[in-house]
Amino acid sequence: SHFKNTSLGDDLDKLLEKMQQRRGDNVVTPFNGDVN
């Protein structure tokens, strides 16, 4: 996804996937623009 170019970002990506699955919808992450 957005963060997979770094190992830290990969962990973030997995965390976001868990959060989205738990909520059951596609959440637009507020830090999408900040992390790039």
N, C-alpha and C. Protein backbone atom coordinates (compact mmCIF):
# COMPACT_ATOMS: atom_id res chain seq x y z
N SER A 1 0.84 -1.20 0.00
CA SER A 1 0.00 0.00 0.00
C SER A 1 0.87 1.25 0.00
N HIS A 2 0.50 2.25 0.78
CA HIS A 2 1.20 3.54 0.72
C HIS A 2 2.59 3.49 1.35
N PHE A 3 2.78 2.58 2.33
CA PHE A 3 3.95 2.69 3.20
C PHE A 3 5.00 1.62 2.96
N LYS A 4 4.79 0.76 1.95
CA LYS A 4 5.61 -0.45 1.85
C LYS A 4 7.04 -0.21 1.41
N ASN A 5 7.43 1.03 1.14
CA ASN A 5 8.82 1.29 0.76
C ASN A 5 9.76 1.33 1.95
N THR A 6 9.25 1.29 3.18
CA THR A 6 10.11 1.22 4.36
C THR A 6 9.63 0.12 5.29
N SER A 7 10.54 -0.40 6.11
CA SER A 7 10.16 -1.47 7.03
C SER A 7 9.20 -0.95 8.09
N LEU A 8 9.43 0.28 8.55
CA LEU A 8 8.50 0.91 9.49
C LEU A 8 7.15 1.10 8.81
N GLY A 9 7.18 1.52 7.58
CA GLY A 9 5.95 1.71 6.82
C GLY A 9 5.20 0.41 6.61
N ASP A 10 5.94 -0.69 6.47
CA ASP A 10 5.30 -1.98 6.30
C ASP A 10 4.51 -2.35 7.55
N ASP A 11 5.08 -2.07 8.72
CA ASP A 11 4.36 -2.31 9.97
C ASP A 11 3.12 -1.42 10.06
N LEU A 12 3.28 -0.17 9.66
CA LEU A 12 2.15 0.76 9.65
C LEU A 12 1.04 0.25 8.73
N ASP A 13 1.46 -0.26 7.57
CA ASP A 13 0.50 -0.75 6.60
C ASP A 13 -0.31 -1.92 7.17
N LYS A 14 0.39 -2.84 7.85
CA LYS A 14 -0.29 -3.98 8.44
C LYS A 14 -1.24 -3.53 9.55
N LEU A 15 -0.80 -2.55 10.33
CA LEU A 15 -1.64 -2.02 11.41
C LEU A 15 -2.90 -1.38 10.84
N LEU A 16 -2.72 -0.62 9.76
CA LEU A 16 -3.87 0.03 9.12
C LEU A 16 -4.85 -1.01 8.58
N GLU A 17 -4.31 -2.10 8.01
CA GLU A 17 -5.19 -3.15 7.50
C GLU A 17 -6.02 -3.75 8.62
N LYS A 18 -5.40 -3.98 9.78
CA LYS A 18 -6.13 -4.53 10.92
C LYS A 18 -7.21 -3.57 11.38
N MET A 19 -6.88 -2.28 11.43
CA MET A 19 -7.84 -1.28 11.86
C MET A 19 -9.03 -1.22 10.89
N GLN A 20 -8.74 -1.27 9.60
CA GLN A 20 -9.79 -1.20 8.60
C GLN A 20 -10.68 -2.44 8.64
N GLN A 21 -10.06 -3.60 8.84
CA GLN A 21 -10.84 -4.84 8.90
C GLN A 21 -11.74 -4.84 10.12
N ARG A 22 -11.23 -4.31 11.24
CA ARG A 22 -12.01 -4.29 12.47
C ARG A 22 -13.22 -3.36 12.33
N ARG A 23 -13.02 -2.23 11.64
CA ARG A 23 -14.12 -1.29 11.44
C ARG A 23 -15.07 -1.76 10.34
N GLY A 24 -14.55 -2.56 9.42
CA GLY A 24 -15.39 -3.13 8.38
C GLY A 24 -15.68 -2.18 7.23
N ASP A 25 -14.84 -1.18 7.05
CA ASP A 25 -15.03 -0.28 5.91
C ASP A 25 -13.67 0.27 5.45
N ASN A 26 -13.66 0.94 4.32
CA ASN A 26 -12.42 1.50 3.80
C ASN A 26 -12.23 2.91 4.35
N VAL A 27 -11.37 3.02 5.35
CA VAL A 27 -11.14 4.30 5.99
C VAL A 27 -10.02 5.04 5.27
N VAL A 28 -10.24 6.29 4.98
CA VAL A 28 -9.17 7.11 4.43
C VAL A 28 -8.30 7.58 5.59
N THR A 29 -7.05 7.13 5.60
CA THR A 29 -6.17 7.44 6.72
C THR A 29 -5.76 8.91 6.69
N PRO A 30 -5.87 9.60 7.81
CA PRO A 30 -5.59 11.03 7.86
C PRO A 30 -4.13 11.37 7.57
N PHE A 31 -3.21 10.40 7.72
CA PHE A 31 -1.81 10.70 7.47
C PHE A 31 -1.32 10.18 6.14
N ASN A 32 -2.24 9.93 5.21
CA ASN A 32 -1.85 9.52 3.86
C ASN A 32 -0.85 10.49 3.23
N GLY A 33 -1.17 11.77 3.28
CA GLY A 33 -0.32 12.77 2.64
C GLY A 33 0.94 13.07 3.43
N ASP A 34 0.89 12.88 4.74
CA ASP A 34 2.02 13.28 5.58
C ASP A 34 3.20 12.33 5.47
N VAL A 35 2.93 11.04 5.27
CA VAL A 35 3.99 10.04 5.34
C VAL A 35 4.80 9.99 4.04
N ASN A 36 4.19 10.43 2.93
CA ASN A 36 4.93 10.43 1.68
C ASN A 36 6.03 11.48 1.73
